[in-house]
C-alpha atoms as a PDB file:
ATOM      1  CA  MET A   1      -5.339   1.945  -7.168  1.00  0.00           C
ATOM      2  CA  LYS A   2      -3.633   4.035  -9.808  1.00  0.00           C
ATOM      3  CA  GLY A   3      -4.761   2.949 -13.235  1.00  0.00           C
ATOM      4  CA  GLN A   4      -4.504  -0.833 -13.169  1.00  0.00           C
ATOM      5  CA  SER A   5      -1.821  -0.869 -10.451  1.00  0.00           C
ATOM      6  CA  ILE A   6      -2.543  -1.614  -6.805  1.00  0.00           C
ATOM      7  CA  THR A   7      -0.909   1.107  -4.718  1.00  0.00           C
ATOM      8  CA  GLY A   8      -1.867  -0.074  -1.248  1.00  0.00           C
ATOM      9  CA  VAL A   9      -3.675  -2.651   0.894  1.00  0.00           C
ATOM     10  CA  TRP A  10      -4.987  -2.408   4.462  1.00  0.00           C
ATOM     11  CA  PRO A  11      -6.223  -5.742   5.857  1.00  0.00           C
ATOM     12  CA  TYR A  12      -8.646  -5.480   8.760  1.00  0.00           C
ATOM     13  CA  THR A  13     -11.026  -7.560  10.855  1.00  0.00           C
ATOM     14  CA  LEU A  14     -14.429  -6.298  11.933  1.00  0.00           C
ATOM     15  CA  GLN A  15     -15.384  -7.926  15.233  1.00  0.00           C
ATOM     16  CA  GLN A  16     -18.393  -7.706  17.518  1.00  0.00           C
ATOM     17  CA  LYS A  17     -18.526  -7.998  21.302  1.00  0.00           C
ATOM     18  CA  LEU A  18     -21.548  -7.188  23.462  1.00  0.00           C
ATOM     19  CA  ARG A  19     -23.190  -6.128  20.188  1.00  0.00           C
ATOM     20  CA  ILE A  20     -20.528  -3.452  19.739  1.00  0.00           C
ATOM     21  CA  ASP A  21     -18.831  -3.318  16.329  1.00  0.00           C
ATOM     22  CA  MET A  22     -15.043  -3.040  16.559  1.00  0.00           C
ATOM     23  CA  LEU A  23     -12.020  -2.703  14.310  1.00  0.00           C
ATOM     24  CA  ARG A  24      -9.425  -4.676  16.258  1.00  0.00           C
ATOM     25  CA  MET A  25      -6.285  -6.674  15.679  1.00  0.00           C
ATOM     26  CA  PRO A  26      -6.741 -10.397  15.097  1.00  0.00           C
ATOM     27  CA  MET A  27      -5.446 -12.654  17.828  1.00  0.00           C
ATOM     28  CA  LEU A  28      -1.629 -12.966  17.997  1.00  0.00           C
ATOM     29  CA  THR A  29      -1.134 -10.318  15.311  1.00  0.00           C
ATOM     30  CA  PRO A  30       1.289  -7.506  16.233  1.00  0.00           C
ATOM     31  CA  TYR A  31       0.404  -5.217  13.290  1.00  0.00           C
ATOM     32  CA  LEU A  32      -1.423  -5.423   9.960  1.00  0.00           C
ATOM     33  CA  GLY A  33      -1.197  -2.416   7.689  1.00  0.00           C
ATOM     34  CA  PRO A  34      -1.350  -0.331   5.703  1.00  0.00           C
ATOM     35  CA  HIS A  35       0.954  -1.746   3.041  1.00  0.00           C
ATOM     36  CA  VAL A  36       2.005   0.891   0.493  1.00  0.00           C
ATOM     37  CA  PHE A  37       3.410  -0.307  -2.831  1.00  0.00           C
ATOM     38  CA  PHE A  38       5.737   2.338  -4.207  1.00  0.00           C
ATOM     39  CA  PRO A  39       6.400   2.512  -7.962  1.00  0.00           C
ATOM     40  CA  PRO A  40       9.908   1.183  -8.698  1.00  0.00           C
ATOM     41  CA  ASP A  41      10.907   4.451 -10.401  1.00  0.00           C
ATOM     42  CA  ILE A  42       9.530   6.860  -7.763  1.00  0.00           C
ATOM     43  CA  LYS A  43      11.828   9.708  -6.737  1.00  0.00           C
ATOM     44  CA  GLU A  44      12.855   9.846  -3.101  1.00  0.00           C
ATOM     45  CA  SER A  45      11.386  13.347  -2.858  1.00  0.00           C
ATOM     46  CA  ASN A  46       7.963  11.979  -3.872  1.00  0.00           C
ATOM     47  CA  ARG A  47       7.792   8.964  -1.531  1.00  0.00           C
ATOM     48  CA  ASP A  48       6.236  10.761   1.440  1.00  0.00           C
ATOM     49  CA  GLN A  49       3.502  12.380  -0.651  1.00  0.00           C
ATOM     50  CA  PHE A  50       2.737   9.059  -2.345  1.00  0.00           C
ATOM     51  CA  GLU A  51       2.506   7.296   1.031  1.00  0.00           C
ATOM     52  CA  TYR A  52       0.261  10.068   2.365  1.00  0.00           C
ATOM     53  CA  GLU A  53      -2.159   9.859  -0.560  1.00  0.00           C
ATOM     54  CA  VAL A  54      -2.377   6.057  -0.501  1.00  0.00           C
ATOM     55  CA  THR A  55      -2.832   5.897   3.286  1.00  0.00           C
ATOM     56  CA  GLU A  56      -5.533   8.569   3.152  1.00  0.00           C
ATOM     57  CA  GLN A  57      -7.425   6.677   0.436  1.00  0.00           C
ATOM     58  CA  LEU A  58      -7.184   3.413   2.385  1.00  0.00           C
ATOM     59  CA  ILE A  59      -8.388   4.752   5.724  1.00  0.00           C
ATOM     60  CA  SER A  60     -11.311   6.519   4.064  1.00  0.00           C
ATOM     61  CA  ARG A  61     -12.546   3.098   2.889  1.00  0.00           C
ATOM     62  CA  LEU A  62     -12.320   1.363   6.259  1.00  0.00           C
ATOM     63  CA  PRO A  63     -15.519   0.855   8.270  1.00  0.00           C
ATOM     64  CA  ASP A  64     -16.037   3.360  11.098  1.00  0.00           C
ATOM     65  CA  PRO A  65     -17.359   1.413  14.113  1.00  0.00           C
ATOM     66  CA  ASP A  66     -17.495   2.831  17.632  1.00  0.00           C
ATOM     67  CA  VAL A  67     -14.337   1.036  18.786  1.00  0.00           C
ATOM     68  CA  TRP A  68     -10.934   1.003  17.052  1.00  0.00           C
ATOM     69  CA  HIS A  69      -7.674  -0.643  18.121  1.00  0.00           C
ATOM     70  CA  LEU A  70      -5.390  -1.016  15.111  1.00  0.00           C
ATOM     71  CA  ALA A  71      -1.613  -1.356  15.159  1.00  0.00           C
ATOM     72  CA  MET A  72       0.152   0.137  12.139  1.00  0.00           C
ATOM     73  CA  GLN A  73       3.045  -1.372  10.235  1.00  0.00           C
ATOM     74  CA  PRO A  74       6.416  -0.079  11.514  1.00  0.00           C
ATOM     75  CA  GLY A  75       7.669   2.667   9.233  1.00  0.00           C
ATOM     76  CA  ILE A  76       4.286   4.269   8.526  1.00  0.00           C
ATOM     77  CA  LYS A  77       4.621   7.867   9.749  1.00  0.00           C
ATOM     78  CA  GLN A  78       1.509   9.631   8.412  1.00  0.00           C
ATOM     79  CA  ALA A  79       0.279  10.663  11.860  1.00  0.00           C
ATOM     80  CA  GLY A  80      -1.472  13.815  10.628  1.00  0.00           C
ATOM     81  CA  ILE A  81      -4.082  11.882   8.666  1.00  0.00           C
ATOM     82  CA  PHE A  82      -5.473  10.156  11.740  1.00  0.00           C
ATOM     83  CA  ASN A  83      -6.336  13.360  13.571  1.00  0.00           C
ATOM     84  CA  ASP A  84      -9.055  13.955  10.983  1.00  0.00           C
ATOM     85  CA  TYR A  85     -10.696  10.691  12.049  1.00  0.00           C
ATOM     86  CA  ASP A  86     -10.688  11.518  15.772  1.00  0.00           C
ATOM     87  CA  LEU A  87      -8.242   8.683  16.432  1.00  0.00           C
ATOM     88  CA  GLN A  88      -5.905   8.671  19.405  1.00  0.00           C
ATOM     89  CA  LEU A  89      -2.311   7.799  18.589  1.00  0.00           C
ATOM     90  CA  HIS A  90      -0.309   5.555  20.905  1.00  0.00           C
ATOM     91  CA  VAL A  91       3.307   4.624  20.242  1.00  0.00           C
ATOM     92  CA  ARG A  92       4.823   1.200  20.755  1.00  0.00           C
ATOM     93  CA  GLN A  93       8.161  -0.248  19.723  1.00  0.00           C
ATOM     94  CA  THR A  94       9.737  -3.210  18.054  1.00  0.00           C
ATOM     95  CA  PHE A  95      13.359  -4.047  17.266  1.00  0.00           C
ATOM     96  CA  LEU A  96      14.606  -4.785  13.753  1.00  0.00           C
ATOM     97  CA  LEU A  97      17.893  -6.466  12.882  1.00  0.00           C
ATOM     98  CA  ASP A  98      19.392  -5.697   9.471  1.00  0.00           C
ATOM     99  CA  LEU A  99      20.261  -9.010   7.783  1.00  0.00           C
ATOM    100  CA  SER A 100      22.261  -7.472   4.933  1.00  0.00           C
ATOM    101  CA  HIS A 101      25.498  -8.004   6.884  1.00  0.00           C
ATOM    102  CA  THR A 102      27.430 -11.255   6.947  1.00  0.00           C
ATOM    103  CA  GLU A 103      26.898 -13.740   9.780  1.00  0.00           C
ATOM    104  CA  GLU A 104      30.390 -12.942  11.032  1.00  0.00           C
ATOM    105  CA  GLU A 105      29.619  -9.204  11.116  1.00  0.00           C
ATOM    106  CA  MET A 106      26.293  -9.754  12.887  1.00  0.00           C
ATOM    107  CA  PHE A 107      27.875 -12.045  15.478  1.00  0.00           C
ATOM    108  CA  ALA A 108      30.646  -9.518  16.133  1.00  0.00           C
ATOM    109  CA  ASN A 109      27.953  -6.864  16.685  1.00  0.00           C
ATOM    110  CA  LEU A 110      26.344  -8.844  19.523  1.00  0.00           C
ATOM    111  CA  LYS A 111      27.149  -7.717  23.058  1.00  0.00           C
ATOM    112  CA  GLU A 112      30.073  -9.714  24.458  1.00  0.00           C
ATOM    113  CA  PRO A 113      28.076 -11.432  27.281  1.00  0.00           C
ATOM    114  CA  LEU A 114      25.551 -12.585  24.661  1.00  0.00           C
ATOM    115  CA  ARG A 115      28.307 -14.011  22.465  1.00  0.00           C
ATOM    116  CA  ARG A 116      29.692 -15.915  25.454  1.00  0.00           C
ATOM    117  CA  ASN A 117      26.247 -17.329  26.268  1.00  0.00           C
ATOM    118  CA  ILE A 118      25.732 -18.478  22.685  1.00  0.00           C
ATOM    119  CA  ARG A 119      29.154 -20.131  22.480  1.00  0.00           C
ATOM    120  CA  ALA A 120      28.568 -21.917  25.787  1.00  0.00           C
ATOM    121  CA  ALA A 121      25.054 -22.998  24.794  1.00  0.00           C
ATOM    122  CA  GLU A 122      26.274 -24.491  21.525  1.00  0.00           C
ATOM    123  CA  LYS A 123      28.416 -26.923  23.527  1.00  0.00           C
ATOM    124  CA  GLU A 124      25.555 -28.251  25.646  1.00  0.00           C
ATOM    125  CA  ILE A 125      22.277 -27.991  23.692  1.00  0.00           C
ATOM    126  CA  VAL A 126      20.887 -29.268  20.392  1.00  0.00           C
ATOM    127  CA  ILE A 127      18.468 -27.150  18.337  1.00  0.00           C
ATOM    128  CA  THR A 128      15.890 -28.711  15.999  1.00  0.00           C
ATOM    129  CA  ASP A 129      12.669 -27.695  14.271  1.00  0.00           C
ATOM    130  CA  ASP A 130      10.184 -29.868  16.166  1.00  0.00           C
ATOM    131  CA  PRO A 131       6.461 -28.938  15.832  1.00  0.00           C
ATOM    132  CA  LYS A 132       5.351 -31.619  18.288  1.00  0.00           C
ATOM    133  CA  HIS A 133       6.547 -29.337  21.103  1.00  0.00           C
ATOM    134  CA  LEU A 134       3.888 -26.683  20.364  1.00  0.00           C
ATOM    135  CA  ASN A 135       2.025 -27.953  23.416  1.00  0.00           C
ATOM    136  CA  ASP A 136       5.131 -27.364  25.565  1.00  0.00           C
ATOM    137  CA  LEU A 137       5.389 -23.807  24.236  1.00  0.00           C
ATOM    138  CA  TYR A 138       1.818 -23.143  25.315  1.00  0.00           C
ATOM    139  CA  HIS A 139       2.183 -24.638  28.787  1.00  0.00           C
ATOM    140  CA  PHE A 140       5.577 -23.076  29.528  1.00  0.00           C
ATOM    141  CA  GLN A 141       4.135 -19.678  28.621  1.00  0.00           C
ATOM    142  CA  LYS A 142       1.057 -20.293  30.755  1.00  0.00           C
ATOM    143  CA  ILE A 143       3.175 -21.068  33.831  1.00  0.00           C
ATOM    144  CA  THR A 144       5.410 -18.034  33.262  1.00  0.00           C
ATOM    145  CA  LEU A 145       2.476 -15.645  32.798  1.00  0.00           C
ATOM    146  CA  GLU A 146       0.649 -16.962  35.859  1.00  0.00           C
ATOM    147  CA  TYR A 147       3.809 -16.398  37.906  1.00  0.00           C
ATOM    148  CA  LYS A 148       3.720 -12.751  36.762  1.00  0.00           C
ATOM    149  CA  GLY A 149       0.023 -12.457  37.634  1.00  0.00           C
ATOM    150  CA  ALA A 150      -1.066 -12.387  33.982  1.00  0.00           C
ATOM    151  CA  SER A 151      -3.102 -14.791  31.856  1.00  0.00           C
ATOM    152  CA  GLN A 152      -3.030 -16.029  28.276  1.00  0.00           C
ATOM    153  CA  HIS A 153      -5.546 -14.463  25.918  1.00  0.00           C
ATOM    154  CA  TYR A 154      -5.512 -17.428  23.540  1.00  0.00           C
ATOM    155  CA  SER A 155      -6.062 -21.166  23.788  1.00  0.00           C
ATOM    156  CA  PHE A 156      -3.926 -24.083  22.695  1.00  0.00           C
ATOM    157  CA  ASP A 157      -6.435 -24.724  19.890  1.00  0.00           C
ATOM    158  CA  ASP A 158      -5.760 -21.168  18.650  1.00  0.00           C
ATOM    159  CA  LEU A 159      -2.042 -21.966  18.434  1.00  0.00           C
ATOM    160  CA  VAL A 160      -2.728 -25.233  16.616  1.00  0.00           C
ATOM    161  CA  ARG A 161      -4.890 -23.498  13.972  1.00  0.00           C
ATOM    162  CA  LEU A 162      -2.326 -20.756  13.413  1.00  0.00           C
ATOM    163  CA  HIS A 163       0.570 -23.202  13.247  1.00  0.00           C
ATOM    164  CA  GLU A 164      -1.260 -25.399  10.746  1.00  0.00           C
ATOM    165  CA  ALA A 165      -2.056 -22.401   8.518  1.00  0.00           C
ATOM    166  CA  CYS A 166       1.603 -21.360   8.590  1.00  0.00           C
ATOM    167  CA  ARG A 167       2.791 -24.926   7.995  1.00  0.00           C
ATOM    168  CA  GLN A 168       0.626 -25.197   4.894  1.00  0.00           C
ATOM    169  CA  ARG A 169       2.260 -22.009   3.583  1.00  0.00           C
ATOM    170  CA  GLN A 170       5.745 -23.246   4.527  1.00  0.00           C
ATOM    171  CA  CYS A 171       6.560 -20.141   6.564  1.00  0.00           C
ATOM    172  CA  THR A 172       7.103 -21.478  10.072  1.00  0.00           C
ATOM    173  CA  ALA A 173       9.637 -23.201  12.293  1.00  0.00           C
ATOM    174  CA  LEU A 174       9.349 -24.194  15.940  1.00  0.00           C
ATOM    175  CA  TRP A 175      12.955 -24.145  17.144  1.00  0.00           C
ATOM    176  CA  VAL A 176      13.446 -26.308  20.229  1.00  0.00           C
ATOM    177  CA  ALA A 177      16.601 -26.320  22.367  1.00  0.00           C
ATOM    178  CA  LYS A 178      17.245 -29.561  24.246  1.00  0.00           C
ATOM    179  CA  LYS A 179      19.880 -30.602  26.729  1.00  0.00           C
ATOM    180  CA  GLY A 180      19.805 -34.362  26.556  1.00  0.00           C
ATOM    181  CA  ASP A 181      16.116 -35.257  26.472  1.00  0.00           C
ATOM    182  CA  GLU A 182      14.955 -32.167  28.363  1.00  0.00           C
ATOM    183  CA  VAL A 183      13.517 -29.133  26.572  1.00  0.00           C
ATOM    184  CA  GLN A 184      15.282 -25.954  27.695  1.00  0.00           C
ATOM    185  CA  ALA A 185      13.471 -23.325  25.598  1.00  0.00           C
ATOM    186  CA  ILE A 186      11.325 -22.897  22.473  1.00  0.00           C
ATOM    187  CA  ILE A 187      10.796 -20.081  19.985  1.00  0.00           C
ATOM    188  CA  TRP A 188       8.288 -19.794  17.160  1.00  0.00           C
ATOM    189  CA  HIS A 189       9.868 -18.309  14.031  1.00  0.00           C
ATOM    190  CA  LEU A 190       7.701 -17.043  11.140  1.00  0.00           C
ATOM    191  CA  TRP A 191       8.689 -15.416   7.852  1.00  0.00           C
ATOM    192  CA  ASP A 192       7.427 -13.908   4.622  1.00  0.00           C
ATOM    193  CA  LYS A 193       9.313 -12.928   1.455  1.00  0.00           C
ATOM    194  CA  LYS A 194      10.886  -9.883   3.100  1.00  0.00           C
ATOM    195  CA  ASN A 195      11.074 -10.333   6.880  1.00  0.00           C
ATOM    196  CA  SER A 196      11.456 -12.945   9.583  1.00  0.00           C
ATOM    197  CA  TYR A 197       9.605 -12.639  12.895  1.00  0.00           C
ATOM    198  CA  TYR A 198      10.241 -13.848  16.420  1.00  0.00           C
ATOM    199  CA  HIS A 199       6.571 -14.628  16.976  1.00  0.00           C
ATOM    200  CA  MET A 200       6.772 -15.964  20.518  1.00  0.00           C
ATOM    201  CA  GLY A 201       9.008 -17.960  22.788  1.00  0.00           C
ATOM    202  CA  THR A 202       9.594 -19.141  26.325  1.00  0.00           C
ATOM    203  CA  LYS A 203      12.038 -20.941  28.574  1.00  0.00           C
ATOM    204  CA  ASN A 204      11.154 -24.111  30.419  1.00  0.00           C
ATOM    205  CA  PRO A 205      10.300 -22.857  33.943  1.00  0.00           C
ATOM    206  CA  GLY A 206      11.654 -26.107  35.351  1.00  0.00           C
ATOM    207  CA  THR A 207      15.218 -25.605  34.087  1.00  0.00           C
ATOM    208  CA  ASP A 208      17.988 -23.131  34.858  1.00  0.00           C
ATOM    209  CA  SER A 209      19.333 -22.785  31.309  1.00  0.00           C
ATOM    210  CA  TYR A 210      19.504 -19.022  30.775  1.00  0.00           C
ATOM    211  CA  ARG A 211      21.612 -19.484  27.651  1.00  0.00           C
ATOM    212  CA  ALA A 212      19.062 -21.400  25.574  1.00  0.00           C
ATOM    213  CA  MET A 213      16.926 -18.402  24.504  1.00  0.00           C
ATOM    214  CA  SER A 214      20.015 -16.517  23.327  1.00  0.00           C
ATOM    215  CA  ALA A 215      21.145 -19.507  21.280  1.00  0.00           C
ATOM    216  CA  LEU A 216      17.663 -20.064  19.832  1.00  0.00           C
ATOM    217  CA  LEU A 217      17.294 -16.462  18.684  1.00  0.00           C
ATOM    218  CA  TRP A 218      20.753 -16.471  17.130  1.00  0.00           C
ATOM    219  CA  HIS A 219      19.835 -19.734  15.371  1.00  0.00           C
ATOM    220  CA  ALA A 220      16.631 -18.131  13.994  1.00  0.00           C
ATOM    221  CA  ILE A 221      18.546 -15.037  12.860  1.00  0.00           C
ATOM    222  CA  ARG A 222      21.020 -17.189  10.951  1.00  0.00           C
ATOM    223  CA  ALA A 223      18.146 -19.149   9.390  1.00  0.00           C
ATOM    224  CA  ALA A 224      16.473 -15.870   8.340  1.00  0.00           C
ATOM    225  CA  LYS A 225      19.720 -14.653   6.791  1.00  0.00           C
ATOM    226  CA  ARG A 226      20.041 -17.870   4.770  1.00  0.00           C
ATOM    227  CA  LYS A 227      16.448 -17.535   3.542  1.00  0.00           C
ATOM    228  CA  GLY A 228      17.340 -14.162   2.039  1.00  0.00           C
ATOM    229  CA  ASN A 229      15.168 -12.110   4.406  1.00  0.00           C
ATOM    230  CA  GLN A 230      16.012  -8.415   4.750  1.00  0.00           C
ATOM    231  CA  TRP A 231      15.069  -7.904   8.406  1.00  0.00           C
ATOM    232  CA  PHE A 232      14.592  -9.952  11.558  1.00  0.00           C
ATOM    233  CA  ASP A 233      11.714  -8.454  13.544  1.00  0.00           C
ATOM    234  CA  PHE A 234      11.787  -9.198  17.275  1.00  0.00           C
ATOM    235  CA  GLU A 235       8.128  -8.032  17.449  1.00  0.00           C
ATOM    236  CA  GLY A 236       9.072  -5.682  20.259  1.00  0.00           C
ATOM    237  CA  SER A 237       8.203  -5.229  23.858  1.00  0.00           C
ATOM    238  CA  MET A 238       7.691  -2.368  26.294  1.00  0.00           C
ATOM    239  CA  ASP A 239       9.039  -4.561  29.128  1.00  0.00           C
ATOM    240  CA  PRO A 240      12.423  -3.118  30.211  1.00  0.00           C
ATOM    241  CA  GLY A 241      14.035  -6.529  30.704  1.00  0.00           C
ATOM    242  CA  VAL A 242      12.916  -7.879  27.324  1.00  0.00           C
ATOM    243  CA  GLU A 243      13.890  -4.614  25.621  1.00  0.00           C
ATOM    244  CA  ARG A 244      17.384  -4.816  27.091  1.00  0.00           C
ATOM    245  CA  PHE A 245      17.718  -8.434  25.908  1.00  0.00           C
ATOM    246  CA  PHE A 246      16.722  -7.506  22.333  1.00  0.00           C
ATOM    247  CA  ARG A 247      19.161  -4.584  22.259  1.00  0.00           C
ATOM    248  CA  ASN A 248      21.990  -7.020  22.984  1.00  0.00           C
ATOM    249  CA  PHE A 249      21.536  -8.394  19.464  1.00  0.00           C
ATOM    250  CA  GLY A 250      22.359  -5.027  17.906  1.00  0.00           C
ATOM    251  CA  ALA A 251      18.785  -4.580  16.710  1.00  0.00           C
ATOM    252  CA  ARG A 252      17.460  -1.134  15.782  1.00  0.00           C
ATOM    253  CA  ARG A 253      14.554   0.321  17.726  1.00  0.00           C
ATOM    254  CA  GLU A 254      11.580   1.074  15.440  1.00  0.00           C
ATOM    255  CA  LEU A 255       8.443   2.845  16.623  1.00  0.00           C
ATOM    256  CA  TYR A 256       4.974   2.087  15.311  1.00  0.00           C
ATOM    257  CA  MET A 257       1.597   3.693  15.878  1.00  0.00           C
ATOM    258  CA  VAL A 258      -1.522   2.215  17.430  1.00  0.00           C
ATOM    259  CA  LEU A 259      -4.818   3.882  16.467  1.00  0.00           C
ATOM    260  CA  ARG A 260      -7.529   3.913  19.128  1.00  0.00           C
ATOM    261  CA  LYS A 261     -11.062   5.232  19.359  1.00  0.00           C
ATOM    262  CA  ASN A 262     -13.889   4.431  21.754  1.00  0.00           C
ATOM    263  CA  ARG A 263     -17.307   6.050  21.291  1.00  0.00           C
ATOM    264  CA  SER A 264     -19.129   3.263  23.156  1.00  0.00           C
ATOM    265  CA  LEU A 265     -20.113   4.003  26.749  1.00  0.00           C
ATOM    266  CA  LEU A 266     -20.493   0.275  27.396  1.00  0.00           C
ATOM    267  CA  TRP A 267     -17.002  -0.538  26.120  1.00  0.00           C
ATOM    268  CA  LYS A 268     -15.538   2.368  28.089  1.00  0.00           C
ATOM    269  CA  LEU A 269     -16.993   0.719  31.197  1.00  0.00           C
ATOM    270  CA  VAL A 270     -15.525  -2.653  30.166  1.00  0.00           C
ATOM    271  CA  GLU A 271     -12.085  -1.114  29.714  1.00  0.00           C
ATOM    272  CA  LYS A 272     -12.332   0.694  33.045  1.00  0.00           C
ATOM    273  CA  LEU A 273     -13.186  -2.563  34.846  1.00  0.00           C
ATOM    274  CA  ARG A 274     -10.218  -4.308  33.204  1.00  0.00           C
ATOM    275  CA  ARG A 275      -7.704  -1.827  34.593  1.00  0.00           C
END
């Protein structure tokens, strides 16, 4: 704080596994903080120093357990601070789409094959916000991940609790694309006052509609624009195929830092066995 003004906030969760205290990301949370609140009249030349001072104050007040795994907000660049806390820095990426342009300008900026897919999809599918298909989202994802040799790290009950919390705050839509009575694809769209987020999504493994996901994302982008959001955050991926798909929307690559530390011999063994 500075006087009576809050200058920054860093939410965190302190967890415990095998009696080991950990600072880790909550389930299904891509990044948390820190959030720096700049004074409205701050000079551009003073922004970096202000961010540095606020971030340093915030991290000094966090607990210091043996295990850390915290993803930073995109845009935070104060890497030097974290060296003093013996934290390893890992870089990941997301993709941000600037919503300040008109819908016509954003559509023109899409890659031509994507525009063709969206136009074709609009002739054959219907998109609605339909929360009763949350169960389909979960099961379609489960099948897709198992095909890739991976597993879900959350349960359907976890999705229900999160969806209900978002519904109560009126910040969620479950966009469902149907061809006739058959679900083709689903995406979960979340938003706050500033940004919209592609939280998760999946195609129906039993259909061959490759156009539905393109149409759903474009639908969510248009909805975000109409809500007055500034950015549409695709919540990133390091998967080459997914990355290429996101780039087709004209989104800007944005890097963010992940802070890691492991002073626990037991947890080092756990991580080694998981590899």
